[in-house]
Protein backbone atom coordinates (compact mmCIF):
# COMPACT_ATOMS: atom_id res chain seq x y z
CA MET A 1 -196.56 -99.69 123.91
CA HIS A 2 -199.97 -99.67 121.83
CA VAL A 3 -203.17 -98.84 123.06
CA LYS A 4 -204.54 -102.49 122.89
CA GLN A 5 -201.48 -103.71 124.91
CA ILE A 6 -202.23 -100.96 127.72
CA VAL A 7 -205.80 -101.92 127.87
CA THR A 8 -204.99 -105.62 127.89
CA LEU A 9 -202.43 -105.07 130.58
CA LEU A 10 -205.09 -102.94 132.79
CA LEU A 11 -208.03 -105.44 132.37
CA PHE A 12 -205.27 -108.21 133.81
CA SER A 13 -204.37 -106.09 136.71
CA ILE A 14 -207.78 -105.43 137.71
CA TYR A 15 -208.67 -109.29 137.20
CA PHE A 16 -205.91 -110.15 139.39
CA PHE A 17 -206.84 -107.71 142.16
CA PHE A 18 -210.16 -108.89 142.56
CA THR A 19 -209.20 -112.40 142.55
CA GLN A 20 -206.69 -111.95 145.14
CA THR A 21 -209.14 -110.04 146.96
CA ALA A 22 -211.89 -112.38 146.87
CA LEU A 23 -209.25 -115.04 147.99
CA ALA A 24 -208.10 -113.21 150.95
CA SER A 25 -211.72 -112.72 152.18
CA ALA A 26 -213.04 -116.22 151.30
CA PRO A 27 -213.70 -118.63 154.62
CA LYS A 28 -210.93 -120.85 155.58
CA TYR A 29 -210.57 -124.36 156.76
CA ILE A 30 -209.83 -124.26 160.58
CA GLY A 31 -209.73 -128.20 161.39
CA SER A 32 -212.01 -130.54 162.89
CA ASN A 33 -210.56 -129.56 166.40
CA ALA A 34 -212.61 -126.30 166.41
CA CYS A 35 -215.67 -128.40 166.60
CA SER A 36 -214.53 -130.08 170.00
CA CYS A 37 -217.61 -128.44 171.77
CA HIS A 38 -220.00 -130.92 169.93
CA LYS A 39 -218.85 -133.41 172.10
CA ALA A 40 -221.57 -136.30 171.15
CA HIS A 41 -220.94 -135.70 167.56
CA VAL A 42 -217.30 -135.75 167.22
CA SER A 43 -217.31 -138.88 169.38
CA ASP A 44 -219.59 -140.49 166.83
CA TRP A 45 -217.59 -139.14 163.92
CA LYS A 46 -214.41 -140.38 165.19
CA LEU A 47 -215.47 -143.89 164.90
CA SER A 48 -217.08 -143.28 161.68
CA THR A 49 -216.12 -144.37 158.04
CA HIS A 50 -215.47 -140.86 157.07
CA GLY A 51 -213.51 -140.31 160.48
CA ARG A 52 -211.37 -143.07 159.49
CA ALA A 53 -210.93 -142.48 155.72
CA PHE A 54 -207.15 -141.54 155.78
CA GLU A 55 -206.66 -144.72 157.70
CA THR A 56 -207.78 -146.66 154.80
CA LEU A 57 -205.21 -145.48 152.55
CA LYS A 58 -202.60 -146.93 154.54
CA PRO A 59 -200.99 -150.50 153.25
CA GLY A 60 -202.88 -153.41 154.40
CA VAL A 61 -205.75 -151.64 155.59
CA LYS A 62 -209.16 -152.56 153.67
CA LYS A 63 -207.66 -155.05 151.64
CA ARG A 64 -211.00 -156.46 149.94
CA ALA A 65 -212.38 -152.98 149.21
CA LYS A 66 -208.97 -152.15 147.48
CA ILE A 67 -208.84 -155.31 145.41
CA LYS A 68 -212.21 -154.44 144.34
CA ALA A 69 -211.54 -151.19 143.37
CA GLY A 70 -208.43 -152.49 141.49
CA LEU A 71 -206.19 -150.97 143.57
CA ASP A 72 -203.06 -152.35 145.18
CA PRO A 73 -203.82 -153.57 148.71
CA GLN A 74 -200.09 -153.30 149.90
CA LYS A 75 -199.34 -149.92 148.17
CA ASP A 76 -199.36 -146.60 150.60
CA TYR A 77 -201.90 -143.97 149.20
CA THR A 78 -201.37 -141.49 152.00
CA LYS A 79 -199.19 -139.25 149.77
CA GLU A 80 -201.14 -139.49 146.45
CA GLU A 81 -203.22 -136.33 145.43
CA ARG A 82 -205.90 -138.07 143.71
CA CYS A 83 -206.55 -140.02 146.99
CA LEU A 84 -205.75 -137.03 149.44
CA LYS A 85 -208.51 -134.76 147.56
CA CYS A 86 -211.44 -136.94 149.30
CA HIS A 87 -209.75 -138.53 152.19
CA THR A 88 -208.51 -135.46 153.92
CA THR A 89 -210.25 -132.10 154.70
CA GLY A 90 -209.77 -128.91 152.59
CA TYR A 91 -206.59 -130.50 150.43
CA ARG A 92 -204.62 -127.75 148.70
CA LYS A 93 -207.58 -124.91 149.97
CA LYS A 94 -207.08 -122.26 152.17
CA GLY A 95 -206.20 -123.36 155.47
CA GLY A 96 -206.89 -127.04 154.53
CA PHE A 97 -204.88 -130.48 154.65
CA ILE A 98 -201.34 -129.68 154.00
CA ASP A 99 -199.47 -133.04 155.72
CA ILE A 100 -200.12 -135.05 158.39
CA ASN A 101 -197.40 -133.29 160.62
CA LYS A 102 -198.80 -129.74 159.97
CA THR A 103 -202.39 -130.42 159.74
CA ALA A 104 -203.20 -133.68 161.50
CA ASP A 105 -206.70 -132.31 162.58
CA ARG A 106 -207.50 -132.11 158.82
CA ILE A 107 -206.92 -136.04 158.05
CA GLY A 108 -209.84 -137.88 157.23
CA VAL A 109 -213.34 -136.60 156.06
CA GLY A 110 -213.70 -134.10 158.82
CA CYS A 111 -216.70 -131.77 159.71
CA GLU A 112 -215.68 -129.23 157.16
CA SER A 113 -215.79 -131.64 154.60
CA CYS A 114 -219.38 -131.62 154.89
CA HIS A 115 -220.45 -128.24 156.51
CA GLY A 116 -217.71 -126.42 154.63
CA PRO A 117 -214.97 -124.26 155.51
CA GLY A 118 -215.79 -122.98 159.12
CA SER A 119 -213.79 -119.65 159.73
CA GLU A 120 -217.08 -117.49 159.03
CA TYR A 121 -219.71 -119.48 160.50
CA LEU A 122 -217.56 -120.42 163.74
CA SER A 123 -217.94 -116.94 164.36
CA LEU A 124 -221.75 -117.19 164.28
CA HIS A 125 -221.92 -120.06 166.63
CA GLU A 126 -219.53 -117.91 169.12
CA SER A 127 -220.91 -114.87 169.28
CA ARG A 128 -224.68 -116.12 169.34
CA PRO A 129 -224.57 -119.81 170.93
CA GLY A 130 -228.02 -121.69 170.14
CA ASN A 131 -229.81 -118.44 169.33
CA PHE A 132 -229.82 -119.05 165.27
CA ASP A 133 -231.46 -121.30 163.04
CA ARG A 134 -230.11 -123.42 160.01
CA SER A 135 -230.87 -121.00 157.35
CA GLN A 136 -228.90 -118.37 159.33
CA ALA A 137 -225.97 -120.63 159.56
CA LYS A 138 -226.18 -121.50 155.78
CA SER A 139 -226.33 -117.50 155.04
CA TRP A 140 -222.85 -117.51 156.79
CA GLY A 141 -221.49 -120.40 154.77
CA GLN A 142 -222.29 -123.71 156.60
CA THR A 143 -223.22 -126.49 154.36
CA TYR A 144 -225.35 -129.64 154.93
CA GLY A 145 -225.03 -132.73 153.09
CA SER A 146 -228.29 -134.11 154.45
CA GLU A 147 -229.79 -131.20 152.28
CA ASN A 148 -227.64 -130.73 149.22
CA PRO A 149 -226.28 -133.92 147.73
CA GLN A 150 -223.85 -132.18 145.86
CA VAL A 151 -221.99 -131.56 149.14
CA CYS A 152 -221.79 -135.56 148.90
CA THR A 153 -221.09 -135.96 145.28
CA ALA A 154 -218.13 -133.43 145.50
CA CYS A 155 -216.25 -136.92 146.39
CA HIS A 156 -218.74 -139.80 145.47
CA ASN A 157 -218.54 -139.56 141.92
CA LYS A 158 -216.59 -141.38 139.23
CA LYS A 159 -214.15 -138.59 138.09
CA ARG A 160 -212.91 -138.00 141.74
CA ARG A 161 -212.71 -141.85 142.88
CA GLY A 162 -209.67 -142.86 140.73
CA LEU A 163 -211.25 -146.45 140.49
CA GLU A 164 -211.34 -148.60 137.57
CA THR A 165 -214.27 -148.08 135.26
CA ASN A 166 -215.65 -151.68 135.40
CA LYS A 167 -215.77 -151.23 139.15
CA GLU A 168 -217.94 -148.17 139.54
CA GLN A 169 -221.21 -150.32 139.67
CA VAL A 170 -219.80 -151.92 142.93
CA TYR A 171 -219.35 -148.47 144.44
CA LYS A 172 -222.57 -146.68 142.99
CA PHE A 173 -223.33 -143.89 145.54
CA HIS A 174 -227.29 -143.43 146.72
CA TRP A 175 -227.38 -140.32 148.60
CA LYS A 176 -230.70 -140.93 150.52
CA LYS A 177 -229.82 -144.10 151.52
CA SER A 178 -226.20 -143.39 152.47
CA LEU A 179 -227.68 -140.63 154.93
CA LYS A 180 -229.24 -143.56 156.81
CA LYS A 181 -226.08 -145.20 157.40
CA ARG A 182 -225.10 -143.41 160.75
CA LYS A 183 -221.73 -145.22 160.88
CA THR A 184 -220.89 -143.00 157.77
CA TYR A 185 -220.67 -139.93 159.86
CA HIS A 186 -222.58 -138.93 162.92
CA ARG A 187 -226.20 -139.41 164.37
CA GLN A 188 -228.28 -136.41 163.99
CA LEU A 189 -228.26 -135.51 167.74
CA PHE A 190 -229.98 -133.08 169.76
CA LEU A 191 -227.52 -131.61 172.22
CA LYS A 192 -228.07 -131.98 175.75
CA MET A 193 -227.05 -128.58 177.73
CA LYS A 194 -224.74 -131.11 180.25
CA ASP A 195 -222.67 -131.79 177.04
CA TYR A 196 -221.52 -127.90 176.68
CA SER A 197 -220.76 -125.02 178.87
CA ARG A 198 -223.66 -123.02 177.35
CA PRO A 199 -227.19 -123.91 176.81
CA ASN A 200 -228.18 -125.40 173.60
CA PHE A 201 -224.64 -124.80 172.09
CA TYR A 202 -224.27 -125.77 168.61
CA ARG A 203 -227.90 -127.70 168.55
CA PHE A 204 -228.20 -126.79 164.90
CA LEU A 205 -225.18 -128.56 163.53
CA SER A 206 -226.64 -131.69 162.61
């Protein structure tokens, strides 16, 4: 084997090792059930547009919206990759949505779609309930769509929607305006002590 081949093989091995190590240590999705302590938030979310996003992929649901988007209102889109990427949580990512039977708590645009995979920051919430601020939560990987438009535009953009080009203007996304529509996700609530087993538990989630 020539020296050049040996060096190439060595570099590839090093790259593979660090890539696998990074993947193994990366935060993973744990599902919206892990957020059940946030009773008021979860209650709002279940009735929200995001919470019911997967349902809109079913035949006969949101007929007018689908027609506007150039989609077949009678077609079942619940198994189409282009739709599942943004109508489920963590699709094809570590711990993310697999199918409706194996990962039912990852259907819809769940908590982690906006706040990031929760395996790391959940530990912070559990070990220091109410005793941390938002900057600390972010250092543990928690994200906030209310602060960073890229959290929202990861899905609300032309490339990810799969809609006809001439329909894009109808669905033009306005980040600041969307944040005011509480039916989209949940209200920004101050969590009351009675809602949780411990005082001020998770009050910084909004």
